[in-house]
Every structure is written in structure tokens, then in C-alpha cells.
């Protein structure tokens, strides 16, 4: 089975657009998301984004959502009162994303996600949790938030957010070849495309 794309998807896909200067290209956080949901976009991109956002909104506290968003993107000051995001809380932000997705999907005859695109990876729970536990480059509160994401949402979503954090917060090459091989095994079991786990390959140390 294969997912609909060889690249990242869902909430972790949209995180990539919230780099440090994202506000130079959008008047608000909502506008930044809307800018990516163009008319010709593959509907599966919108469906997977909505699915991730709904999972987090339903299962995690607003504070936990904020930790995951800030650490998984480059928008460190996203939820500050003086931020140009105009978003006050993690729960509000995910509800906003869901509304944007629903607006895009409205009036379109779009089939539901199915097959590999709904693989949550529950049988990989312990493997993903083990990778979080050894991620010493992340603060304990971040590892705790990731653990909650894996346990209460899905191992798939927790692992994808972990990959974002590896890319953003590892300083220098810190992944061993063995760790990266485990990442590849998890990604393969989750039917990820070629470029999801490969995005952190540059962090692998030379053995």
C-alpha cells in the first residue's frame, strides 16, 4: 500500500510554511493556511490536514497543542499576545484550520481517506515512544507532549511531529545510523513516501 504522496502530509505539511518569516507572506496565520489550499490542490492534502487537526483538538489540551506547534514549526512566538498570528490558543488555532479545510471541501465531491492514508500505526506505539524517550535534544515538556500525542492521538502523528523536531532542533549530526534505520522501519510500516523520513537523513552521524 502507498499513501497519496511521496512527501509529508497533514498538519506536519502545513507546519513547513510557518518558518521564521512566514508573516512576510500572509496577513494572518489563517491566511497563511488559506494560501496553501489552492483550488487545484489534491483533496487528500486537505483531508489529511483536517484529520490531524481534529485528532489533536479532540484529544489534547490547548497547552499541549501549543508546545507541539511551537516546537514542530519555526513559529516560536506564535501564541504570544503581540504575535502577528492573531491566534490566542492552541485549541483556537486547530479549530481555525478545521474551518478553513471545511470551507475548501464544501461543495466538492471528495471521497474519504482510505487504505494507507488512514494508517495510524497503533501497533508501533512502543517503538515511537522509545524514539521520543531518547530524544535528549528536546526539553522534557516537549517529550511529554509528544508522548501524549502518541498515546492519545496516533503514533503516526506523533512520529511525524517528532521528525519535524529532529530537523529543527538537532544541533549538528546527532542521529546514529542505527537510529535512522529505526526511523526508516517505522516510516515503512506507516507507508510513508520516500521523502518523509529522508528529510532528516542529513542529521545522521558518520560511523
N, C-alpha and C. Protein backbone atom coordinates (compact mmCIF):
# COMPACT_ATOMS: atom_id res chain seq x y z
N UNK A 1 0.84 -1.20 0.00
CA UNK A 1 0.00 0.00 0.00
C UNK A 1 0.88 1.25 0.00
N UNK A 2 0.39 2.29 -0.62
CA UNK A 2 1.09 3.57 -0.64
C UNK A 2 0.15 4.70 -0.24
N UNK A 3 0.70 5.70 0.41
CA UNK A 3 -0.08 6.91 0.68
C UNK A 3 -0.18 7.74 -0.59
N UNK A 4 -0.98 8.80 -0.53
CA UNK A 4 -1.26 9.58 -1.73
C UNK A 4 -0.08 10.43 -2.20
N UNK A 5 0.94 10.57 -1.36
CA UNK A 5 2.07 11.43 -1.71
C UNK A 5 3.38 10.82 -1.23
N UNK A 6 4.46 11.15 -1.92
CA UNK A 6 5.79 10.74 -1.50
C UNK A 6 6.36 11.70 -0.46
N UNK A 7 5.69 12.81 -0.24
CA UNK A 7 6.17 13.86 0.65
C UNK A 7 5.36 13.88 1.95
N UNK A 8 5.67 14.82 2.82
CA UNK A 8 4.95 14.97 4.08
C UNK A 8 3.51 15.36 3.81
N UNK A 9 2.68 15.21 4.82
CA UNK A 9 1.24 15.45 4.65
C UNK A 9 0.63 15.84 5.99
N UNK A 10 -0.62 16.23 5.95
CA UNK A 10 -1.32 16.55 7.19
C UNK A 10 -0.81 17.81 7.87
N UNK A 11 -0.93 17.85 9.18
CA UNK A 11 -0.53 19.03 9.94
C UNK A 11 0.96 19.31 9.79
N UNK A 12 1.76 18.26 9.70
CA UNK A 12 3.21 18.46 9.58
C UNK A 12 3.58 19.05 8.22
N UNK A 13 2.76 18.84 7.22
CA UNK A 13 2.96 19.51 5.92
C UNK A 13 2.75 21.01 6.07
N UNK A 14 1.67 21.41 6.73
CA UNK A 14 1.38 22.84 6.85
C UNK A 14 2.37 23.52 7.79
N UNK A 15 2.93 22.79 8.75
CA UNK A 15 3.94 23.37 9.64
C UNK A 15 5.12 23.95 8.87
N UNK A 16 5.46 23.33 7.75
CA UNK A 16 6.62 23.79 6.98
C UNK A 16 6.47 25.22 6.48
N UNK A 17 5.26 25.69 6.34
CA UNK A 17 5.03 27.04 5.82
C UNK A 17 5.12 28.10 6.91
N UNK A 18 5.26 27.66 8.16
CA UNK A 18 5.38 28.60 9.27
C UNK A 18 6.84 28.70 9.70
N UNK A 19 7.65 29.18 8.74
CA UNK A 19 9.05 29.45 9.01
C UNK A 19 9.15 30.81 9.72
N UNK A 20 10.34 31.23 10.04
CA UNK A 20 10.52 32.42 10.87
C UNK A 20 9.95 33.69 10.24
N UNK A 21 9.93 33.77 8.93
CA UNK A 21 9.43 34.98 8.28
C UNK A 21 8.10 34.75 7.56
N UNK A 22 7.30 33.80 8.07
CA UNK A 22 6.04 33.48 7.41
C UNK A 22 5.13 34.70 7.31
N UNK A 23 5.19 35.58 8.29
CA UNK A 23 4.28 36.73 8.32
C UNK A 23 4.60 37.75 7.23
N UNK A 24 5.75 37.60 6.56
CA UNK A 24 6.05 38.47 5.42
C UNK A 24 5.19 38.13 4.21
N UNK A 25 4.58 36.95 4.24
CA UNK A 25 3.84 36.46 3.08
C UNK A 25 2.34 36.29 3.33
N UNK A 26 1.90 36.58 4.55
CA UNK A 26 0.48 36.43 4.87
C UNK A 26 0.10 37.41 5.97
N UNK A 27 -1.11 37.93 5.90
CA UNK A 27 -1.57 38.93 6.86
C UNK A 27 -1.92 38.32 8.21
N UNK A 28 -2.18 37.02 8.23
CA UNK A 28 -2.54 36.33 9.47
C UNK A 28 -2.18 34.86 9.32
N UNK A 29 -2.23 34.13 10.43
CA UNK A 29 -1.96 32.69 10.37
C UNK A 29 -3.00 31.98 9.51
N UNK A 30 -4.25 32.38 9.65
CA UNK A 30 -5.31 31.77 8.84
C UNK A 30 -5.05 31.99 7.36
N UNK A 31 -4.62 33.18 7.00
CA UNK A 31 -4.32 33.49 5.59
C UNK A 31 -3.16 32.65 5.08
N UNK A 32 -2.18 32.37 5.96
CA UNK A 32 -1.05 31.55 5.55
C UNK A 32 -1.50 30.14 5.17
N UNK A 33 -2.46 29.59 5.91
CA UNK A 33 -3.01 28.28 5.56
C UNK A 33 -3.84 28.37 4.29
N UNK A 34 -4.69 29.37 4.21
CA UNK A 34 -5.53 29.54 3.02
C UNK A 34 -4.69 29.67 1.75
N UNK A 35 -3.54 30.31 1.86
CA UNK A 35 -2.66 30.48 0.69
C UNK A 35 -2.17 29.15 0.13
N UNK A 36 -2.10 28.14 0.98
CA UNK A 36 -1.62 26.82 0.53
C UNK A 36 -2.75 25.93 0.01
N UNK A 37 -3.98 26.23 0.41
CA UNK A 37 -5.12 25.43 -0.03
C UNK A 37 -5.69 26.00 -1.32
N UNK A 38 -4.90 25.91 -2.37
CA UNK A 38 -5.31 26.43 -3.67
C UNK A 38 -6.36 25.51 -4.29
N UNK A 39 -7.08 26.02 -5.26
CA UNK A 39 -8.20 25.27 -5.85
C UNK A 39 -7.77 23.93 -6.41
N UNK A 40 -6.59 23.88 -7.03
CA UNK A 40 -6.16 22.65 -7.71
C UNK A 40 -5.44 21.66 -6.79
N UNK A 41 -5.41 21.94 -5.49
CA UNK A 41 -4.73 21.06 -4.54
C UNK A 41 -5.37 19.68 -4.50
N UNK A 42 -4.55 18.65 -4.34
CA UNK A 42 -5.06 17.30 -4.16
C UNK A 42 -5.96 17.28 -2.92
N UNK A 43 -7.21 16.87 -3.04
CA UNK A 43 -8.12 16.85 -1.89
C UNK A 43 -7.58 16.06 -0.71
N UNK A 44 -6.77 15.05 -0.98
CA UNK A 44 -6.21 14.26 0.12
C UNK A 44 -5.33 15.10 1.03
N UNK A 45 -4.72 16.15 0.49
CA UNK A 45 -3.92 17.04 1.34
C UNK A 45 -4.82 17.74 2.37
N UNK A 46 -5.97 18.18 1.92
CA UNK A 46 -6.89 18.89 2.81
C UNK A 46 -7.50 17.91 3.81
N UNK A 47 -7.88 16.74 3.34
CA UNK A 47 -8.48 15.74 4.23
C UNK A 47 -7.50 15.29 5.31
N UNK A 48 -6.25 15.08 4.94
CA UNK A 48 -5.26 14.65 5.94
C UNK A 48 -4.93 15.76 6.92
N UNK A 49 -4.91 17.00 6.45
CA UNK A 49 -4.70 18.14 7.34
C UNK A 49 -5.84 18.25 8.34
N UNK A 50 -7.05 18.14 7.84
CA UNK A 50 -8.21 18.23 8.73
C UNK A 50 -8.22 17.10 9.75
N UNK A 51 -7.87 15.91 9.29
CA UNK A 51 -7.86 14.74 10.17
C UNK A 51 -6.88 14.93 11.33
N UNK A 52 -5.68 15.38 11.02
CA UNK A 52 -4.69 15.62 12.08
C UNK A 52 -5.17 16.69 13.05
N UNK A 53 -5.68 17.78 12.51
CA UNK A 53 -6.12 18.89 13.37
C UNK A 53 -7.26 18.45 14.29
N UNK A 54 -8.18 17.67 13.77
CA UNK A 54 -9.30 17.21 14.58
C UNK A 54 -8.84 16.26 15.68
N UNK A 55 -7.89 15.39 15.35
CA UNK A 55 -7.34 14.48 16.36
C UNK A 55 -6.74 15.25 17.53
N UNK A 56 -5.89 16.20 17.23
CA UNK A 56 -5.25 16.98 18.29
C UNK A 56 -6.27 17.78 19.09
N UNK A 57 -7.21 18.39 18.40
CA UNK A 57 -8.22 19.20 19.08
C UNK A 57 -9.07 18.35 20.01
N UNK A 58 -9.41 17.15 19.58
CA UNK A 58 -10.28 16.27 20.38
C UNK A 58 -9.57 15.64 21.56
N UNK A 59 -8.26 15.40 21.43
CA UNK A 59 -7.58 14.54 22.40
C UNK A 59 -6.60 15.24 23.33
N UNK A 60 -6.11 16.43 22.96
CA UNK A 60 -5.06 17.06 23.75
C UNK A 60 -5.50 18.41 24.30
N UNK A 61 -4.85 18.83 25.38
CA UNK A 61 -5.15 20.14 25.94
C UNK A 61 -4.58 21.23 25.04
N UNK A 62 -5.09 22.43 25.21
CA UNK A 62 -4.62 23.55 24.41
C UNK A 62 -3.13 23.81 24.67
N UNK A 63 -2.70 23.70 25.92
CA UNK A 63 -1.29 23.92 26.24
C UNK A 63 -0.39 22.91 25.54
N UNK A 64 -0.82 21.65 25.49
CA UNK A 64 -0.04 20.61 24.83
C UNK A 64 0.04 20.87 23.33
N UNK A 65 -1.07 21.28 22.76
CA UNK A 65 -1.10 21.62 21.33
C UNK A 65 -0.11 22.74 21.04
N UNK A 66 -0.07 23.74 21.90
CA UNK A 66 0.83 24.87 21.70
C UNK A 66 2.30 24.44 21.73
N UNK A 67 2.63 23.54 22.65
CA UNK A 67 4.01 23.04 22.72
C UNK A 67 4.38 22.32 21.43
N UNK A 68 3.48 21.48 20.95
CA UNK A 68 3.76 20.72 19.72
C UNK A 68 3.89 21.64 18.52
N UNK A 69 3.01 22.64 18.44
CA UNK A 69 3.06 23.54 17.28
C UNK A 69 4.33 24.41 17.30
N UNK A 70 4.62 24.99 18.45
CA UNK A 70 5.80 25.87 18.53
C UNK A 70 7.09 25.10 18.25
N UNK A 71 7.18 23.88 18.75
CA UNK A 71 8.42 23.12 18.62
C UNK A 71 8.51 22.39 17.28
N UNK A 72 7.37 22.09 16.69
CA UNK A 72 7.36 21.39 15.41
C UNK A 72 7.42 22.31 14.21
N UNK A 73 7.27 23.61 14.45
CA UNK A 73 7.40 24.60 13.38
C UNK A 73 8.47 25.60 13.80
N UNK A 74 8.69 26.61 12.99
CA UNK A 74 9.66 27.66 13.35
C UNK A 74 8.97 28.88 13.94
N UNK A 75 7.69 28.74 14.27
CA UNK A 75 6.91 29.87 14.77
C UNK A 75 6.95 29.89 16.30
N UNK A 76 8.11 30.21 16.84
CA UNK A 76 8.34 30.11 18.28
C UNK A 76 7.41 31.01 19.09
N UNK A 77 7.09 32.19 18.56
CA UNK A 77 6.28 33.15 19.32
C UNK A 77 4.84 33.21 18.81
N UNK A 78 4.40 32.13 18.22
CA UNK A 78 3.11 32.09 17.53
C UNK A 78 1.94 32.48 18.42
N UNK A 79 1.93 32.03 19.66
CA UNK A 79 0.78 32.24 20.54
C UNK A 79 0.95 33.41 21.50
N UNK A 80 1.98 34.22 21.32
CA UNK A 80 2.14 35.40 22.17
C UNK A 80 1.11 36.45 21.82
N UNK A 81 0.70 37.22 22.79
CA UNK A 81 -0.34 38.23 22.57
C UNK A 81 0.07 39.29 21.56
N UNK A 82 1.37 39.52 21.43
CA UNK A 82 1.84 40.53 20.48
C UNK A 82 2.25 39.92 19.14
N UNK A 83 1.91 38.65 18.93
CA UNK A 83 2.27 37.98 17.68
C UNK A 83 1.33 38.39 16.56
N UNK A 84 1.85 38.42 15.34
CA UNK A 84 1.02 38.76 14.19
C UNK A 84 0.14 37.60 13.75
N UNK A 85 0.25 36.46 14.43
CA UNK A 85 -0.58 35.31 14.06
C UNK A 85 -2.06 35.58 14.35
N UNK A 86 -2.35 36.43 15.33
CA UNK A 86 -3.71 36.72 15.81
C UNK A 86 -4.39 35.47 16.36
N UNK A 87 -3.63 34.51 16.81
CA UNK A 87 -4.16 33.28 17.41
C UNK A 87 -3.84 33.28 18.89
N UNK A 88 -4.83 33.01 19.72
CA UNK A 88 -4.64 33.12 21.16
C UNK A 88 -4.34 31.80 21.86
N UNK A 89 -4.72 30.67 21.25
CA UNK A 89 -4.51 29.39 21.92
C UNK A 89 -4.37 28.27 20.91
N UNK A 90 -3.82 27.15 21.38
CA UNK A 90 -3.66 26.00 20.52
C UNK A 90 -4.98 25.46 20.02
N UNK A 91 -5.96 25.38 20.91
CA UNK A 91 -7.27 24.87 20.51
C UNK A 91 -7.93 25.77 19.48
N UNK A 92 -7.82 27.07 19.69
CA UNK A 92 -8.39 28.02 18.73
C UNK A 92 -7.73 27.87 17.36
N UNK A 93 -6.42 27.66 17.36
CA UNK A 93 -5.69 27.53 16.10
C UNK A 93 -6.14 26.31 15.31
N UNK A 94 -6.28 25.18 15.98
CA UNK A 94 -6.71 23.97 15.28
C UNK A 94 -8.15 24.09 14.80
N UNK A 95 -8.99 24.72 15.60
CA UNK A 95 -10.37 24.95 15.16
C UNK A 95 -10.40 25.83 13.92
N UNK A 96 -9.49 26.79 13.85
CA UNK A 96 -9.39 27.66 12.67
C UNK A 96 -8.97 26.85 11.44
N UNK A 97 -7.97 25.99 11.61
CA UNK A 97 -7.53 25.15 10.50
C UNK A 97 -8.67 24.26 10.00
N UNK A 98 -9.41 23.69 10.92
CA UNK A 98 -10.54 22.83 10.55
C UNK A 98 -11.57 23.61 9.76
N UNK A 99 -11.87 24.82 10.18
CA UNK A 99 -12.85 25.64 9.45
C UNK A 99 -12.34 25.95 8.03
N UNK A 100 -11.07 26.23 7.90
CA UNK A 100 -10.50 26.52 6.57
C UNK A 100 -10.60 25.28 5.69
N UNK A 101 -10.30 24.12 6.25
CA UNK A 101 -10.42 22.88 5.49
C UNK A 101 -11.86 22.63 5.08
N UNK A 102 -12.79 22.83 6.00
CA UNK A 102 -14.20 22.60 5.69
C UNK A 102 -14.69 23.54 4.60
N UNK A 103 -14.21 24.76 4.62
CA UNK A 103 -14.59 25.72 3.58
C UNK A 103 -14.08 25.25 2.22
N UNK A 104 -12.85 24.76 2.17
CA UNK A 104 -12.28 24.27 0.91
C UNK A 104 -13.04 23.05 0.41
N UNK A 105 -13.39 22.15 1.32
CA UNK A 105 -14.06 20.90 0.95
C UNK A 105 -15.52 21.11 0.58
N UNK A 106 -16.12 22.18 1.07
CA UNK A 106 -17.54 22.43 0.84
C UNK A 106 -17.84 22.52 -0.65
N UNK A 107 -18.84 21.77 -1.08
CA UNK A 107 -19.26 21.81 -2.48
C UNK A 107 -18.45 20.94 -3.40
N UNK A 108 -17.40 20.30 -2.86
CA UNK A 108 -16.60 19.38 -3.67
C UNK A 108 -17.01 17.94 -3.38
N UNK A 109 -17.05 17.13 -4.38
CA UNK A 109 -17.36 15.71 -4.21
C UNK A 109 -16.05 14.98 -3.95
N UNK A 110 -15.70 14.88 -2.67
CA UNK A 110 -14.40 14.34 -2.28
C UNK A 110 -14.60 13.05 -1.49
N UNK A 111 -14.02 11.94 -1.94
CA UNK A 111 -14.12 10.69 -1.18
C UNK A 111 -13.32 10.77 0.10
N UNK A 112 -13.67 9.97 1.08
CA UNK A 112 -12.95 9.96 2.34
C UNK A 112 -11.57 9.31 2.16
N UNK A 113 -10.66 9.64 3.07
CA UNK A 113 -9.38 8.96 3.08
C UNK A 113 -9.59 7.46 3.32
N UNK A 114 -8.75 6.66 2.71
CA UNK A 114 -8.89 5.22 2.87
C UNK A 114 -7.54 4.54 2.70
N UNK A 115 -7.49 3.26 2.98
CA UNK A 115 -6.28 2.47 2.78
C UNK A 115 -5.11 2.99 3.58
N UNK A 116 -3.95 3.10 2.93
CA UNK A 116 -2.73 3.53 3.61
C UNK A 116 -2.86 4.91 4.23
N UNK A 117 -3.73 5.74 3.67
CA UNK A 117 -3.86 7.12 4.16
C UNK A 117 -4.57 7.20 5.51
N UNK A 118 -5.07 6.08 6.00
CA UNK A 118 -5.69 6.05 7.33
C UNK A 118 -4.89 5.18 8.30
N UNK A 119 -3.68 4.83 7.92
CA UNK A 119 -2.84 4.01 8.80
C UNK A 119 -2.38 4.85 10.00
N UNK A 120 -2.82 4.45 11.20
CA UNK A 120 -2.49 5.20 12.40
C UNK A 120 -1.28 4.64 13.14
N UNK A 121 -0.94 3.38 12.88
CA UNK A 121 0.26 2.81 13.47
C UNK A 121 0.16 2.44 14.93
N UNK A 122 -1.03 2.04 15.38
CA UNK A 122 -1.18 1.73 16.80
C UNK A 122 -0.25 0.60 17.25
N UNK A 123 0.08 -0.32 16.35
CA UNK A 123 0.98 -1.41 16.72
C UNK A 123 2.43 -0.96 16.82
N UNK A 124 2.68 0.31 16.50
CA UNK A 124 4.03 0.87 16.59
C UNK A 124 4.18 1.80 17.80
N UNK A 125 3.21 1.79 18.68
CA UNK A 125 3.21 2.73 19.81
C UNK A 125 4.51 2.68 20.60
N UNK A 126 4.93 1.51 21.01
CA UNK A 126 6.12 1.39 21.86
C UNK A 126 7.38 1.80 21.11
N UNK A 127 7.45 1.48 19.83
CA UNK A 127 8.62 1.86 19.03
C UNK A 127 8.76 3.38 18.92
N UNK A 128 7.62 4.06 18.68
CA UNK A 128 7.67 5.52 18.57
C UNK A 128 7.98 6.15 19.92
N UNK A 129 7.36 5.64 20.98
CA UNK A 129 7.64 6.18 22.32
C UNK A 129 9.12 6.02 22.68
N UNK A 130 9.72 4.92 22.28
CA UNK A 130 11.14 4.70 22.57
C UNK A 130 12.01 5.75 21.89
N UNK A 131 11.66 6.14 20.67
CA UNK A 131 12.43 7.17 19.96
C UNK A 131 12.27 8.54 20.61
N UNK A 132 11.10 8.80 21.15
CA UNK A 132 10.86 10.07 21.86
C UNK A 132 11.69 10.12 23.14
N UNK A 133 11.73 9.01 23.85
CA UNK A 133 12.44 8.97 25.14
C UNK A 133 13.93 9.24 25.00
N UNK A 134 14.52 8.87 23.86
CA UNK A 134 15.97 9.07 23.69
C UNK A 134 16.29 10.39 22.99
N UNK A 135 15.27 11.20 22.74
CA UNK A 135 15.48 12.49 22.06
C UNK A 135 15.90 13.54 23.08
N UNK A 136 17.12 13.42 23.58
CA UNK A 136 17.60 14.30 24.64
C UNK A 136 17.78 15.74 24.22
N UNK A 137 17.77 16.02 22.93
CA UNK A 137 17.89 17.39 22.43
C UNK A 137 16.58 18.17 22.60
N UNK A 138 15.51 17.48 23.02
CA UNK A 138 14.23 18.13 23.26
C UNK A 138 13.99 18.29 24.76
N UNK A 139 13.37 19.39 25.16
CA UNK A 139 13.03 19.61 26.56
C UNK A 139 12.07 18.53 27.04
N UNK A 140 12.07 18.28 28.34
CA UNK A 140 11.22 17.23 28.89
C UNK A 140 9.74 17.50 28.63
N UNK A 141 9.33 18.79 28.67
CA UNK A 141 7.93 19.09 28.42
C UNK A 141 7.54 18.81 26.97
N UNK A 142 8.50 18.92 26.07
CA UNK A 142 8.23 18.61 24.66
C UNK A 142 8.11 17.11 24.48
N UNK A 143 9.00 16.35 25.11
CA UNK A 143 8.90 14.89 25.04
C UNK A 143 7.60 14.41 25.65
N UNK A 144 7.17 15.06 26.73
CA UNK A 144 5.90 14.71 27.35
C UNK A 144 4.73 14.99 26.42
N UNK A 145 4.77 16.13 25.72
CA UNK A 145 3.70 16.47 24.77
C UNK A 145 3.66 15.47 23.62
N UNK A 146 4.83 15.09 23.12
CA UNK A 146 4.89 14.08 22.06
C UNK A 146 4.35 12.74 22.54
N UNK A 147 4.68 12.38 23.77
CA UNK A 147 4.17 11.13 24.34
C UNK A 147 2.65 11.15 24.40
N UNK A 148 2.08 12.26 24.83
CA UNK A 148 0.62 12.39 24.86
C UNK A 148 0.03 12.26 23.46
N UNK A 149 0.72 12.84 22.49
CA UNK A 149 0.24 12.77 21.11
C UNK A 149 0.20 11.33 20.62
N UNK A 150 1.25 10.58 20.93
CA UNK A 150 1.31 9.17 20.52
C UNK A 150 0.23 8.36 21.23
N UNK A 151 0.10 8.56 22.53
CA UNK A 151 -0.82 7.74 23.32
C UNK A 151 -2.29 8.09 23.08
N UNK A 152 -2.60 9.36 22.94
CA UNK A 152 -4.00 9.78 22.89
C UNK A 152 -4.48 10.15 21.49
N UNK A 153 -3.54 10.42 20.59
CA UNK A 153 -3.92 10.67 19.18
C UNK A 153 -3.52 9.43 18.39
N UNK A 154 -2.41 9.48 17.68
CA UNK A 154 -1.92 8.29 16.97
C UNK A 154 -0.39 8.29 16.95
N UNK A 155 0.22 7.10 16.93
CA UNK A 155 1.67 7.03 16.76
C UNK A 155 2.13 7.68 15.46
N UNK A 156 1.34 7.57 14.40
CA UNK A 156 1.68 8.21 13.13
C UNK A 156 1.88 9.71 13.30
N UNK A 157 0.91 10.38 13.89
CA UNK A 157 1.00 11.83 14.04
C UNK A 157 2.15 12.21 14.97
N UNK A 158 2.29 11.48 16.07
CA UNK A 158 3.39 11.77 16.99
C UNK A 158 4.75 11.59 16.33
N UNK A 159 4.89 10.57 15.50
CA UNK A 159 6.17 10.33 14.83
C UNK A 159 6.47 11.40 13.80
N UNK A 160 5.46 11.82 13.04
CA UNK A 160 5.70 12.88 12.06
C UNK A 160 6.11 14.19 12.72
N UNK A 161 5.48 14.50 13.86
CA UNK A 161 5.87 15.73 14.57
C UNK A 161 7.28 15.58 15.13
N UNK A 162 7.62 14.39 15.62
CA UNK A 162 8.99 14.15 16.08
C UNK A 162 10.00 14.40 14.96
N UNK A 163 9.70 13.93 13.75
CA UNK A 163 10.60 14.15 12.62
C UNK A 163 10.81 15.64 12.37
N UNK A 164 9.74 16.43 12.50
CA UNK A 164 9.88 17.88 12.33
C UNK A 164 10.83 18.45 13.37
N UNK A 165 10.70 17.96 14.60
CA UNK A 165 11.55 18.47 15.67
C UNK A 165 13.00 18.05 15.49
N UNK A 166 13.22 16.84 14.98
CA UNK A 166 14.58 16.40 14.68
C UNK A 166 15.22 17.36 13.69
N UNK A 167 14.48 17.70 12.64
CA UNK A 167 15.01 18.59 11.60
C UNK A 167 15.30 19.99 12.14
N UNK A 168 14.46 20.46 13.06
CA UNK A 168 14.57 21.84 13.53
C UNK A 168 15.52 22.02 14.71
N UNK A 169 15.60 21.02 15.58
CA UNK A 169 16.22 21.26 16.88
C UNK A 169 17.48 20.45 17.15
N UNK A 170 17.81 19.50 16.30
CA UNK A 170 19.10 18.83 16.46
C UNK A 170 20.20 19.79 16.06
N UNK A 171 21.22 19.89 16.84
CA UNK A 171 22.35 20.76 16.52
C UNK A 171 23.52 19.90 16.06
N UNK A 172 23.79 19.91 14.78
CA UNK A 172 24.81 19.04 14.23
C UNK A 172 24.24 17.66 13.95
N UNK A 173 25.08 16.77 13.50
CA UNK A 173 24.64 15.42 13.18
C UNK A 173 24.57 14.60 14.45
N UNK A 174 23.36 14.25 14.87
CA UNK A 174 23.20 13.58 16.16
C UNK A 174 22.54 12.22 16.06
N UNK A 175 22.00 11.86 14.91
CA UNK A 175 21.36 10.57 14.76
C UNK A 175 22.40 9.52 14.37
N UNK A 176 22.38 8.40 15.06
CA UNK A 176 23.25 7.30 14.65
C UNK A 176 22.62 6.60 13.45
N UNK A 177 23.43 5.83 12.76
CA UNK A 177 22.91 5.05 11.64
C UNK A 177 21.83 4.09 12.11
N UNK A 178 22.00 3.55 13.32
CA UNK A 178 21.01 2.63 13.87
C UNK A 178 19.69 3.34 14.14
N UNK A 179 19.77 4.56 14.70
CA UNK A 179 18.55 5.33 14.94
C UNK A 179 17.83 5.63 13.63
N UNK A 180 18.58 6.06 12.65
CA UNK A 180 17.96 6.39 11.36
C UNK A 180 17.34 5.15 10.73
N UNK A 181 17.98 4.01 10.88
CA UNK A 181 17.42 2.77 10.36
C UNK A 181 16.09 2.45 11.04
N UNK A 182 16.01 2.74 12.35
CA UNK A 182 14.74 2.53 13.06
C UNK A 182 13.68 3.48 12.54
N UNK A 183 14.07 4.73 12.29
CA UNK A 183 13.14 5.70 11.71
C UNK A 183 12.60 5.18 10.37
N UNK A 184 13.50 4.65 9.56
CA UNK A 184 13.08 4.13 8.25
C UNK A 184 12.11 2.97 8.40
N UNK A 185 12.36 2.11 9.38
CA UNK A 185 11.47 0.97 9.60
C UNK A 185 10.08 1.43 10.03
N UNK A 186 10.05 2.42 10.92
CA UNK A 186 8.75 2.96 11.36
C UNK A 186 8.04 3.61 10.18
N UNK A 187 8.77 4.42 9.42
CA UNK A 187 8.18 5.08 8.26
C UNK A 187 7.64 4.10 7.24
N UNK A 188 8.38 3.02 7.02
CA UNK A 188 7.93 2.00 6.07
C UNK A 188 6.65 1.33 6.56
N UNK A 189 6.58 1.03 7.85
CA UNK A 189 5.38 0.41 8.41
C UNK A 189 4.17 1.33 8.33
N UNK A 190 4.43 2.64 8.33
CA UNK A 190 3.35 3.63 8.22
C UNK A 190 3.07 4.02 6.77
N UNK A 191 3.74 3.35 5.84
CA UNK A 191 3.53 3.57 4.40
C UNK A 191 3.90 4.99 3.96
N UNK A 192 4.89 5.57 4.61
CA UNK A 192 5.33 6.91 4.23
C UNK A 192 5.99 6.88 2.85
N UNK A 193 5.88 8.00 2.15
CA UNK A 193 6.58 8.16 0.90
C UNK A 193 8.07 8.35 1.12
N UNK A 194 8.81 8.39 0.04
CA UNK A 194 10.27 8.40 0.08
C UNK A 194 10.86 9.54 0.89
N UNK A 195 10.22 10.71 0.85
CA UNK A 195 10.88 11.91 1.35
C UNK A 195 10.47 12.33 2.77
N UNK A 196 9.66 11.52 3.45
CA UNK A 196 9.21 11.89 4.79
C UNK A 196 10.33 11.68 5.80
N UNK A 197 10.81 10.46 5.93
CA UNK A 197 11.92 10.18 6.85
C UNK A 197 13.23 10.71 6.28
N UNK A 198 13.38 10.64 4.97
CA UNK A 198 14.62 11.09 4.33
C UNK A 198 14.94 12.55 4.64
N UNK A 199 13.94 13.33 5.02
CA UNK A 199 14.15 14.75 5.32
C UNK A 199 15.10 14.97 6.49
N UNK A 200 15.32 13.95 7.34
CA UNK A 200 16.23 14.11 8.47
C UNK A 200 17.53 13.32 8.27
N UNK A 201 17.75 12.79 7.09
CA UNK A 201 18.94 11.97 6.86
C UNK A 201 20.23 12.76 7.09
N UNK A 202 20.20 14.05 6.82
CA UNK A 202 21.41 14.87 6.99
C UNK A 202 21.86 14.95 8.44
N UNK A 203 21.00 14.53 9.38
CA UNK A 203 21.37 14.56 10.79
C UNK A 203 22.11 13.30 11.24
N UNK A 204 22.33 12.38 10.32
CA UNK A 204 22.98 11.12 10.69
C UNK A 204 24.49 11.33 10.82
N UNK A 205 25.06 10.82 11.90
CA UNK A 205 26.50 10.92 12.12
C UNK A 205 27.25 9.98 11.18
N UNK A 206 28.50 10.28 10.95
CA UNK A 206 29.35 9.39 10.16
C UNK A 206 29.90 8.31 11.07
N UNK A 207 29.59 7.08 10.76
CA UNK A 207 30.05 5.97 11.61
C UNK A 207 31.52 5.64 11.32
